[in-house]
Amino acid sequence: MPTDAEQIRTIRSQTLARIAEVSASHKPSYSVNGQSVSWTQYVADLRATVAWCDEQLGSEEPFEIHSQGFT
């Protein structure tokens, strides 16, 4: 079973691929039978997903805390 980090990397990769697909064939926003489709918002949502993945993966990286005591 993949780890959480591996799953997040997969989500990020798939989302970037979807952004590439959508960007390759620009489509206008439209409304059909009262249902609106905004490609601009869709791409913004995809980019937000990538940003979330980056944030989650960044929190998984090792880090150091430097502190100094005073007496």
PDB file of N, CA and C in Angstrom:
ATOM      1  N   MET A   1       0.855  -1.175   0.000  1.00  0.00           N
ATOM      2  CA  MET A   1       0.000   0.000   0.000  1.00  0.00           C
ATOM      3  C   MET A   1       0.902   1.240   0.000  1.00  0.00           C
ATOM      4  N   PRO A   2       0.597   2.211  -0.862  1.00  0.00           N
ATOM      5  CA  PRO A   2       1.435   3.421  -0.922  1.00  0.00           C
ATOM      6  C   PRO A   2       1.292   4.274   0.337  1.00  0.00           C
ATOM      7  N   THR A   3       2.371   4.967   0.648  1.00  0.00           N
ATOM      8  CA  THR A   3       2.348   5.863   1.804  1.00  0.00           C
ATOM      9  C   THR A   3       1.524   7.111   1.454  1.00  0.00           C
ATOM     10  N   ASP A   4       1.220   7.903   2.472  1.00  0.00           N
ATOM     11  CA  ASP A   4       0.492   9.154   2.233  1.00  0.00           C
ATOM     12  C   ASP A   4       1.260  10.057   1.285  1.00  0.00           C
ATOM     13  N   ALA A   5       2.566  10.164   1.491  1.00  0.00           N
ATOM     14  CA  ALA A   5       3.394  11.021   0.634  1.00  0.00           C
ATOM     15  C   ALA A   5       3.366  10.539  -0.814  1.00  0.00           C
ATOM     16  N   GLU A   6       3.405   9.232  -1.016  1.00  0.00           N
ATOM     17  CA  GLU A   6       3.343   8.686  -2.379  1.00  0.00           C
ATOM     18  C   GLU A   6       1.986   8.988  -3.021  1.00  0.00           C
ATOM     19  N   GLN A   7       0.918   8.877  -2.253  1.00  0.00           N
ATOM     20  CA  GLN A   7      -0.410   9.185  -2.779  1.00  0.00           C
ATOM     21  C   GLN A   7      -0.522  10.664  -3.147  1.00  0.00           C
ATOM     22  N   ILE A   8       0.041  11.533  -2.304  1.00  0.00           N
ATOM     23  CA  ILE A   8      -0.007  12.965  -2.576  1.00  0.00           C
ATOM     24  C   ILE A   8       0.813  13.278  -3.829  1.00  0.00           C
ATOM     25  N   ARG A   9       1.970  12.625  -3.988  1.00  0.00           N
ATOM     26  CA  ARG A   9       2.770  12.822  -5.203  1.00  0.00           C
ATOM     27  C   ARG A   9       1.987  12.375  -6.443  1.00  0.00           C
ATOM     28  N   THR A  10       1.246  11.288  -6.321  1.00  0.00           N
ATOM     29  CA  THR A  10       0.433  10.798  -7.439  1.00  0.00           C
ATOM     30  C   THR A  10      -0.667  11.799  -7.782  1.00  0.00           C
ATOM     31  N   ILE A  11      -1.347  12.311  -6.769  1.00  0.00           N
ATOM     32  CA  ILE A  11      -2.401  13.312  -6.979  1.00  0.00           C
ATOM     33  C   ILE A  11      -1.809  14.536  -7.662  1.00  0.00           C
ATOM     34  N   ARG A  12      -0.647  14.978  -7.183  1.00  0.00           N
ATOM     35  CA  ARG A  12       0.007  16.157  -7.756  1.00  0.00           C
ATOM     36  C   ARG A  12       0.349  15.913  -9.228  1.00  0.00           C
ATOM     37  N   SER A  13       0.919  14.764  -9.520  1.00  0.00           N
ATOM     38  CA  SER A  13       1.306  14.421 -10.882  1.00  0.00           C
ATOM     39  C   SER A  13       0.091  14.361 -11.813  1.00  0.00           C
ATOM     40  N   GLN A  14      -0.975  13.724 -11.362  1.00  0.00           N
ATOM     41  CA  GLN A  14      -2.190  13.620 -12.170  1.00  0.00           C
ATOM     42  C   GLN A  14      -2.824  14.987 -12.399  1.00  0.00           C
ATOM     43  N   THR A  15      -2.784  15.837 -11.384  1.00  0.00           N
ATOM     44  CA  THR A  15      -3.365  17.173 -11.497  1.00  0.00           C
ATOM     45  C   THR A  15      -2.560  18.019 -12.472  1.00  0.00           C
ATOM     46  N   LEU A  16      -1.235  17.928 -12.414  1.00  0.00           N
ATOM     47  CA  LEU A  16      -0.402  18.660 -13.372  1.00  0.00           C
ATOM     48  C   LEU A  16      -0.662  18.182 -14.802  1.00  0.00           C
ATOM     49  N   ALA A  17      -0.855  16.883 -14.972  1.00  0.00           N
ATOM     50  CA  ALA A  17      -1.168  16.347 -16.297  1.00  0.00           C
ATOM     51  C   ALA A  17      -2.507  16.894 -16.792  1.00  0.00           C
ATOM     52  N   ARG A  18      -3.475  16.993 -15.900  1.00  0.00           N
ATOM     53  CA  ARG A  18      -4.796  17.524 -16.279  1.00  0.00           C
ATOM     54  C   ARG A  18      -4.691  18.997 -16.659  1.00  0.00           C
ATOM     55  N   ILE A  19      -3.880  19.772 -15.911  1.00  0.00           N
ATOM     56  CA  ILE A  19      -3.673  21.183 -16.250  1.00  0.00           C
ATOM     57  C   ILE A  19      -3.073  21.286 -17.652  1.00  0.00           C
ATOM     58  N   ALA A  20      -2.113  20.428 -17.961  1.00  0.00           N
ATOM     59  CA  ALA A  20      -1.498  20.431 -19.293  1.00  0.00           C
ATOM     60  C   ALA A  20      -2.523  20.119 -20.374  1.00  0.00           C
ATOM     61  N   GLU A  21      -3.398  19.156 -20.121  1.00  0.00           N
ATOM     62  CA  GLU A  21      -4.448  18.802 -21.091  1.00  0.00           C
ATOM     63  C   GLU A  21      -5.383  19.974 -21.343  1.00  0.00           C
ATOM     64  N   VAL A  22      -5.848  20.585 -20.270  1.00  0.00           N
ATOM     65  CA  VAL A  22      -6.801  21.692 -20.376  1.00  0.00           C
ATOM     66  C   VAL A  22      -6.144  22.890 -21.060  1.00  0.00           C
ATOM     67  N   SER A  23      -4.887  23.147 -20.724  1.00  0.00           N
ATOM     68  CA  SER A  23      -4.185  24.293 -21.291  1.00  0.00           C
ATOM     69  C   SER A  23      -3.889  24.107 -22.775  1.00  0.00           C
ATOM     70  N   ALA A  24      -3.736  22.858 -23.205  1.00  0.00           N
ATOM     71  CA  ALA A  24      -3.435  22.577 -24.606  1.00  0.00           C
ATOM     72  C   ALA A  24      -4.608  22.901 -25.531  1.00  0.00           C
ATOM     73  N   SER A  25      -5.804  22.814 -25.013  1.00  0.00           N
ATOM     74  CA  SER A  25      -6.987  23.107 -25.827  1.00  0.00           C
ATOM     75  C   SER A  25      -7.883  24.072 -25.061  1.00  0.00           C
ATOM     76  N   HIS A  26      -7.588  25.356 -25.193  1.00  0.00           N
ATOM     77  CA  HIS A  26      -8.360  26.374 -24.477  1.00  0.00           C
ATOM     78  C   HIS A  26      -9.836  26.280 -24.846  1.00  0.00           C
ATOM     79  N   LYS A  27     -10.663  26.314 -23.842  1.00  0.00           N
ATOM     80  CA  LYS A  27     -12.100  26.223 -24.056  1.00  0.00           C
ATOM     81  C   LYS A  27     -12.763  27.416 -23.377  1.00  0.00           C
ATOM     82  N   PRO A  28     -13.796  27.935 -23.985  1.00  0.00           N
ATOM     83  CA  PRO A  28     -14.500  29.061 -23.357  1.00  0.00           C
ATOM     84  C   PRO A  28     -15.420  28.576 -22.235  1.00  0.00           C
ATOM     85  N   SER A  29     -15.692  29.460 -21.318  1.00  0.00           N
ATOM     86  CA  SER A  29     -16.691  29.151 -20.289  1.00  0.00           C
ATOM     87  C   SER A  29     -18.063  29.194 -20.950  1.00  0.00           C
ATOM     88  N   TYR A  30     -18.988  28.395 -20.457  1.00  0.00           N
ATOM     89  CA  TYR A  30     -20.307  28.359 -21.064  1.00  0.00           C
ATOM     90  C   TYR A  30     -21.357  27.959 -20.041  1.00  0.00           C
ATOM     91  N   SER A  31     -22.604  28.078 -20.436  1.00  0.00           N
ATOM     92  CA  SER A  31     -23.721  27.712 -19.592  1.00  0.00           C
ATOM     93  C   SER A  31     -24.716  26.905 -20.424  1.00  0.00           C
ATOM     94  N   VAL A  32     -25.138  25.763 -19.899  1.00  0.00           N
ATOM     95  CA  VAL A  32     -26.088  24.900 -20.586  1.00  0.00           C
ATOM     96  C   VAL A  32     -27.170  24.495 -19.596  1.00  0.00           C
ATOM     97  N   ASN A  33     -28.409  24.765 -19.942  1.00  0.00           N
ATOM     98  CA  ASN A  33     -29.540  24.395 -19.092  1.00  0.00           C
ATOM     99  C   ASN A  33     -29.345  24.845 -17.646  1.00  0.00           C
ATOM    100  N   GLY A  34     -28.822  26.039 -17.470  1.00  0.00           N
ATOM    101  CA  GLY A  34     -28.646  26.604 -16.148  1.00  0.00           C
ATOM    102  C   GLY A  34     -27.403  26.145 -15.407  1.00  0.00           C
ATOM    103  N   GLN A  35     -26.622  25.257 -16.014  1.00  0.00           N
ATOM    104  CA  GLN A  35     -25.384  24.797 -15.392  1.00  0.00           C
ATOM    105  C   GLN A  35     -24.210  25.478 -16.074  1.00  0.00           C
ATOM    106  N   SER A  36     -23.392  26.158 -15.277  1.00  0.00           N
ATOM    107  CA  SER A  36     -22.255  26.901 -15.816  1.00  0.00           C
ATOM    108  C   SER A  36     -20.972  26.098 -15.693  1.00  0.00           C
ATOM    109  N   VAL A  37     -20.132  26.241 -16.696  1.00  0.00           N
ATOM    110  CA  VAL A  37     -18.808  25.632 -16.683  1.00  0.00           C
ATOM    111  C   VAL A  37     -17.804  26.750 -16.915  1.00  0.00           C
ATOM    112  N   SER A  38     -16.977  27.013 -15.931  1.00  0.00           N
ATOM    113  CA  SER A  38     -15.964  28.049 -16.026  1.00  0.00           C
ATOM    114  C   SER A  38     -14.596  27.370 -16.067  1.00  0.00           C
ATOM    115  N   TRP A  39     -13.975  27.377 -17.238  1.00  0.00           N
ATOM    116  CA  TRP A  39     -12.672  26.738 -17.377  1.00  0.00           C
ATOM    117  C   TRP A  39     -11.610  27.482 -16.579  1.00  0.00           C
ATOM    118  N   THR A  40     -11.751  28.795 -16.464  1.00  0.00           N
ATOM    119  CA  THR A  40     -10.812  29.582 -15.676  1.00  0.00           C
ATOM    120  C   THR A  40     -10.850  29.133 -14.216  1.00  0.00           C
ATOM    121  N   GLN A  41     -12.041  28.960 -13.687  1.00  0.00           N
ATOM    122  CA  GLN A  41     -12.180  28.506 -12.304  1.00  0.00           C
ATOM    123  C   GLN A  41     -11.683  27.073 -12.149  1.00  0.00           C
ATOM    124  N   TYR A  42     -11.942  26.245 -13.143  1.00  0.00           N
ATOM    125  CA  TYR A  42     -11.499  24.857 -13.103  1.00  0.00           C
ATOM    126  C   TYR A  42      -9.973  24.780 -13.012  1.00  0.00           C
ATOM    127  N   VAL A  43      -9.290  25.554 -13.840  1.00  0.00           N
ATOM    128  CA  VAL A  43      -7.824  25.567 -13.809  1.00  0.00           C
ATOM    129  C   VAL A  43      -7.336  26.135 -12.476  1.00  0.00           C
ATOM    130  N   ALA A  44      -7.996  27.157 -11.968  1.00  0.00           N
ATOM    131  CA  ALA A  44      -7.623  27.727 -10.666  1.00  0.00           C
ATOM    132  C   ALA A  44      -7.769  26.665  -9.571  1.00  0.00           C
ATOM    133  N   ASP A  45      -8.831  25.880  -9.624  1.00  0.00           N
ATOM    134  CA  ASP A  45      -9.036  24.812  -8.643  1.00  0.00           C
ATOM    135  C   ASP A  45      -7.941  23.740  -8.759  1.00  0.00           C
ATOM    136  N   LEU A  46      -7.564  23.403  -9.990  1.00  0.00           N
ATOM    137  CA  LEU A  46      -6.492  22.431 -10.194  1.00  0.00           C
ATOM    138  C   LEU A  46      -5.168  22.957  -9.628  1.00  0.00           C
ATOM    139  N   ARG A  47      -4.898  24.231  -9.876  1.00  0.00           N
ATOM    140  CA  ARG A  47      -3.668  24.832  -9.342  1.00  0.00           C
ATOM    141  C   ARG A  47      -3.682  24.857  -7.817  1.00  0.00           C
ATOM    142  N   ALA A  48      -4.839  25.076  -7.233  1.00  0.00           N
ATOM    143  CA  ALA A  48      -4.961  25.046  -5.773  1.00  0.00           C
ATOM    144  C   ALA A  48      -4.667  23.646  -5.246  1.00  0.00           C
ATOM    145  N   THR A  49      -5.082  22.632  -5.974  1.00  0.00           N
ATOM    146  CA  THR A  49      -4.794  21.254  -5.579  1.00  0.00           C
ATOM    147  C   THR A  49      -3.295  20.991  -5.599  1.00  0.00           C
ATOM    148  N   VAL A  50      -2.615  21.475  -6.645  1.00  0.00           N
ATOM    149  CA  VAL A  50      -1.157  21.315  -6.725  1.00  0.00           C
ATOM    150  C   VAL A  50      -0.485  22.042  -5.564  1.00  0.00           C
ATOM    151  N   ALA A  51      -0.947  23.245  -5.254  1.00  0.00           N
ATOM    152  CA  ALA A  51      -0.373  24.015  -4.139  1.00  0.00           C
ATOM    153  C   ALA A  51      -0.577  23.272  -2.816  1.00  0.00           C
ATOM    154  N   TRP A  52      -1.753  22.683  -2.632  1.00  0.00           N
ATOM    155  CA  TRP A  52      -2.027  21.910  -1.416  1.00  0.00           C
ATOM    156  C   TRP A  52      -1.067  20.719  -1.332  1.00  0.00           C
ATOM    157  N   CYS A  53      -0.877  20.033  -2.453  1.00  0.00           N
ATOM    158  CA  CYS A  53       0.044  18.893  -2.473  1.00  0.00           C
ATOM    159  C   CYS A  53       1.459  19.342  -2.111  1.00  0.00           C
ATOM    160  N   ASP A  54       1.894  20.460  -2.695  1.00  0.00           N
ATOM    161  CA  ASP A  54       3.228  20.987  -2.386  1.00  0.00           C
ATOM    162  C   ASP A  54       3.359  21.293  -0.895  1.00  0.00           C
ATOM    163  N   GLU A  55       2.316  21.868  -0.332  1.00  0.00           N
ATOM    164  CA  GLU A  55       2.326  22.199   1.101  1.00  0.00           C
ATOM    165  C   GLU A  55       2.425  20.932   1.952  1.00  0.00           C
ATOM    166  N   GLN A  56       1.653  19.935   1.595  1.00  0.00           N
ATOM    167  CA  GLN A  56       1.665  18.677   2.355  1.00  0.00           C
ATOM    168  C   GLN A  56       3.017  17.987   2.239  1.00  0.00           C
ATOM    169  N   LEU A  57       3.568  17.957   1.038  1.00  0.00           N
ATOM    170  CA  LEU A  57       4.861  17.303   0.841  1.00  0.00           C
ATOM    171  C   LEU A  57       5.978  18.081   1.530  1.00  0.00           C
ATOM    172  N   GLY A  58       5.866  19.405   1.560  1.00  0.00           N
ATOM    173  CA  GLY A  58       6.860  20.222   2.242  1.00  0.00           C
ATOM    174  C   GLY A  58       6.886  19.981   3.731  1.00  0.00           C
ATOM    175  N   SER A  59       5.731  19.678   4.303  1.00  0.00           N
ATOM    176  CA  SER A  59       5.676  19.436   5.743  1.00  0.00           C
ATOM    177  C   SER A  59       6.253  18.069   6.101  1.00  0.00           C
ATOM    178  N   GLU A  60       6.421  17.204   5.113  1.00  0.00           N
ATOM    179  CA  GLU A  60       6.970  15.873   5.349  1.00  0.00           C
ATOM    180  C   GLU A  60       8.501  15.884   5.377  1.00  0.00           C
ATOM    181  N   GLU A  61       9.115  16.943   4.829  1.00  0.00           N
ATOM    182  CA  GLU A  61      10.569  16.982   4.732  1.00  0.00           C
ATOM    183  C   GLU A  61      11.190  17.175   6.112  1.00  0.00           C
ATOM    184  N   PRO A  62      12.366  16.594   6.315  1.00  0.00           N
ATOM    185  CA  PRO A  62      13.050  16.791   7.600  1.00  0.00           C
ATOM    186  C   PRO A  62      13.436  18.262   7.780  1.00  0.00           C
ATOM    187  N   PHE A  63      13.487  18.683   9.019  1.00  0.00           N
ATOM    188  CA  PHE A  63      13.840  20.070   9.303  1.00  0.00           C
ATOM    189  C   PHE A  63      14.611  20.144  10.602  1.00  0.00           C
ATOM    190  N   GLU A  64      15.296  21.270  10.788  1.00  0.00           N
ATOM    191  CA  GLU A  64      16.056  21.505  12.011  1.00  0.00           C
ATOM    192  C   GLU A  64      15.542  22.763  12.661  1.00  0.00           C
ATOM    193  N   ILE A  65      15.574  22.764  13.979  1.00  0.00           N
ATOM    194  CA  ILE A  65      15.232  23.972  14.726  1.00  0.00           C
ATOM    195  C   ILE A  65      16.472  24.388  15.475  1.00  0.00           C
ATOM    196  N   HIS A  66      16.928  25.610  15.218  1.00  0.00           N
ATOM    197  CA  HIS A  66      18.091  26.142  15.909  1.00  0.00           C
ATOM    198  C   HIS A  66      17.605  27.057  17.021  1.00  0.00           C
ATOM    199  N   SER A  67      18.100  26.828  18.206  1.00  0.00           N
ATOM    200  CA  SER A  67      17.710  27.688  19.329  1.00  0.00           C
ATOM    201  C   SER A  67      18.954  27.993  20.148  1.00  0.00           C
ATOM    202  N   GLN A  68      18.846  29.030  20.918  1.00  0.00           N
ATOM    203  CA  GLN A  68      19.969  29.440  21.753  1.00  0.00           C
ATOM    204  C   GLN A  68      19.419  29.846  23.115  1.00  0.00           C
ATOM    205  N   GLY A  69      20.035  29.318  24.142  1.00  0.00           N
ATOM    206  CA  GLY A  69      19.597  29.657  25.504  1.00  0.00           C
ATOM    207  C   GLY A  69      20.461  30.755  26.092  1.00  0.00           C
ATOM    208  N   PHE A  70      19.873  31.561  26.898  1.00  0.00           N
ATOM    209  CA  PHE A  70      20.589  32.648  27.584  1.00  0.00           C
ATOM    210  C   PHE A  70      20.484  32.417  29.091  1.00  0.00           C
ATOM    211  N   THR A  71      21.576  32.692  29.793  1.00  0.00           N
ATOM    212  CA  THR A  71      21.552  32.540  31.243  1.00  0.00           C
ATOM    213  C   THR A  71      21.738  33.858  31.938  1.00  0.00           C
TER     214      THR A  71
END
